[in-house]
Amino acid sequence: MVDINGNDEVRWKGANKLIDETVEEVMLNVFGKRTFERILRIMREKYSLKINKISEKPQVFSKALRRIVGDNSIIIEDLIVESLYLKIGLKSRWKRNYSFSDYITEIRKLIEMRDSIQY
């Protein structure tokens, strides 16, 4: 995803879109539409976090999700990470002391690298 001028921002936006869409997809599958919408409303109102900005603020998302659903948030985060790895064609790589935010940063870099090679 490179524009005519080779703009890295285009690749960055493409990676963020894939991450945000995957977060939405996983959460819809886990919670269903009504509960998912309630969680999003709480994230917007209490944490100023919109669904299309989760990829840019994974630490805020992780903190908000943990406060909303409790310790089970780790399972949701793991499902998101696994789904993202599958979508980019890689096997999940679990690392000790890695946070959700660390995985999102790593996955974004992998997507950007893949996209820069393809174009």
Protein backbone atom coordinates (compact mmCIF):
# COMPACT_ATOMS: atom_id res chain seq x y z
CA MET A 1 0.00 0.00 0.00
CA VAL A 2 2.34 2.69 -1.21
CA ASP A 3 1.17 5.80 -2.93
CA ILE A 4 2.92 7.25 -5.98
CA ASN A 5 5.40 9.06 -3.75
CA GLY A 6 6.20 5.95 -1.68
CA ASN A 7 4.39 7.35 1.36
CA ASP A 8 4.82 5.16 4.45
CA GLU A 9 1.70 6.73 5.95
CA VAL A 10 -0.42 4.81 3.44
CA ARG A 11 1.09 1.51 4.64
CA TRP A 12 0.62 2.57 8.27
CA LYS A 13 -3.06 3.33 7.67
CA GLY A 14 -3.53 -0.03 5.96
CA ALA A 15 -2.03 -1.85 8.94
CA ASN A 16 -4.20 0.10 11.36
CA LYS A 17 -7.31 -0.68 9.35
CA LEU A 18 -6.60 -4.42 9.44
CA ILE A 19 -5.95 -4.27 13.19
CA ASP A 20 -9.10 -2.25 13.93
CA GLU A 21 -11.27 -4.49 11.75
CA THR A 22 -9.88 -7.59 13.45
CA VAL A 23 -10.55 -6.18 16.92
CA GLU A 24 -14.13 -5.43 15.90
CA GLU A 25 -14.59 -8.88 14.33
CA VAL A 26 -13.27 -10.77 17.37
CA MET A 27 -15.25 -8.71 19.85
CA LEU A 28 -18.47 -9.12 17.85
CA ASN A 29 -17.92 -12.88 17.75
CA VAL A 30 -17.25 -13.08 21.48
CA PHE A 31 -19.80 -10.61 22.85
CA GLY A 32 -22.49 -10.29 20.20
CA LYS A 33 -23.71 -7.01 18.77
CA ARG A 34 -25.54 -5.54 21.79
CA THR A 35 -22.80 -6.16 24.32
CA PHE A 36 -20.12 -5.10 21.84
CA GLU A 37 -21.94 -1.80 21.28
CA ARG A 38 -22.20 -1.26 25.05
CA ILE A 39 -18.48 -1.89 25.48
CA LEU A 40 -17.72 0.56 22.65
CA ARG A 41 -19.95 3.18 24.26
CA ILE A 42 -18.12 2.83 27.57
CA MET A 43 -14.76 3.03 25.81
CA ARG A 44 -15.86 6.21 24.01
CA GLU A 45 -17.36 7.87 27.06
CA LYS A 46 -14.86 6.89 29.76
CA TYR A 47 -11.65 6.40 27.78
CA SER A 48 -12.16 8.63 24.71
CA LEU A 49 -11.41 5.60 22.55
CA LYS A 50 -13.18 4.92 19.26
CA ILE A 51 -13.16 1.56 17.49
CA ASN A 52 -11.13 2.96 14.59
CA LYS A 53 -8.39 4.18 16.94
CA ILE A 54 -7.69 0.99 18.89
CA SER A 55 -4.69 0.18 16.70
CA GLU A 56 -3.21 3.57 17.55
CA LYS A 57 -3.92 3.25 21.29
CA PRO A 58 -3.57 -0.44 22.18
CA GLN A 59 -2.53 0.34 25.76
CA VAL A 60 -5.70 2.38 26.32
CA PHE A 61 -7.79 -0.39 24.76
CA SER A 62 -6.18 -3.04 26.95
CA LYS A 63 -6.69 -1.01 30.12
CA ALA A 64 -10.29 -0.16 29.22
CA LEU A 65 -11.16 -3.73 28.27
CA ARG A 66 -9.69 -5.04 31.53
CA ARG A 67 -11.74 -2.58 33.56
CA ILE A 68 -14.92 -3.39 31.63
CA VAL A 69 -14.77 -7.21 31.42
CA GLY A 70 -12.20 -8.06 34.09
CA ASP A 71 -9.43 -10.62 33.86
CA ASN A 72 -11.15 -12.32 30.91
CA SER A 73 -9.88 -9.43 28.79
CA ILE A 74 -6.64 -11.36 28.39
CA ILE A 75 -8.51 -14.07 26.49
CA ILE A 76 -10.03 -11.45 24.16
CA GLU A 77 -6.63 -9.89 23.56
CA ASP A 78 -5.12 -13.31 22.81
CA LEU A 79 -7.90 -14.05 20.31
CA ILE A 80 -7.26 -10.71 18.59
CA VAL A 81 -3.52 -11.39 18.37
CA GLU A 82 -4.05 -14.95 17.07
CA SER A 83 -6.53 -13.73 14.48
CA LEU A 84 -4.14 -11.02 13.29
CA TYR A 85 -1.27 -13.48 12.91
CA LEU A 86 -3.54 -15.79 10.91
CA LYS A 87 -4.65 -12.93 8.66
CA ILE A 88 -1.07 -12.05 7.80
CA GLY A 89 -0.20 -15.70 7.23
CA LEU A 90 2.00 -16.30 10.26
CA LYS A 91 1.80 -18.58 13.26
CA SER A 92 1.25 -16.86 16.61
CA ARG A 93 4.50 -16.12 18.39
CA TRP A 94 3.91 -15.95 22.13
CA LYS A 95 6.64 -14.15 24.03
CA ARG A 96 7.25 -13.87 27.73
CA ASN A 97 6.47 -10.45 29.22
CA TYR A 98 4.86 -9.22 25.99
CA SER A 99 1.78 -7.07 26.41
CA PHE A 100 -1.13 -6.69 24.01
CA SER A 101 0.38 -3.38 22.98
CA ASP A 102 3.73 -5.05 22.22
CA TYR A 103 2.02 -7.61 19.97
CA ILE A 104 0.04 -4.92 18.13
CA THR A 105 3.23 -2.92 17.52
CA GLU A 106 5.01 -6.03 16.23
CA ILE A 107 2.11 -7.07 14.01
CA ARG A 108 1.82 -3.55 12.57
CA LYS A 109 5.52 -3.66 11.64
CA LEU A 110 5.10 -7.09 10.03
CA ILE A 111 2.12 -5.84 7.99
CA GLU A 112 4.00 -2.72 6.90
CA MET A 113 7.04 -4.79 5.93
CA ARG A 114 4.88 -7.23 3.96
CA ASP A 115 3.08 -4.39 2.20
CA SER A 116 6.32 -2.58 1.31
CA ILE A 117 7.67 -5.78 -0.27
CA GLN A 118 4.48 -6.34 -2.27
CA TYR A 119 4.60 -2.89 -3.82
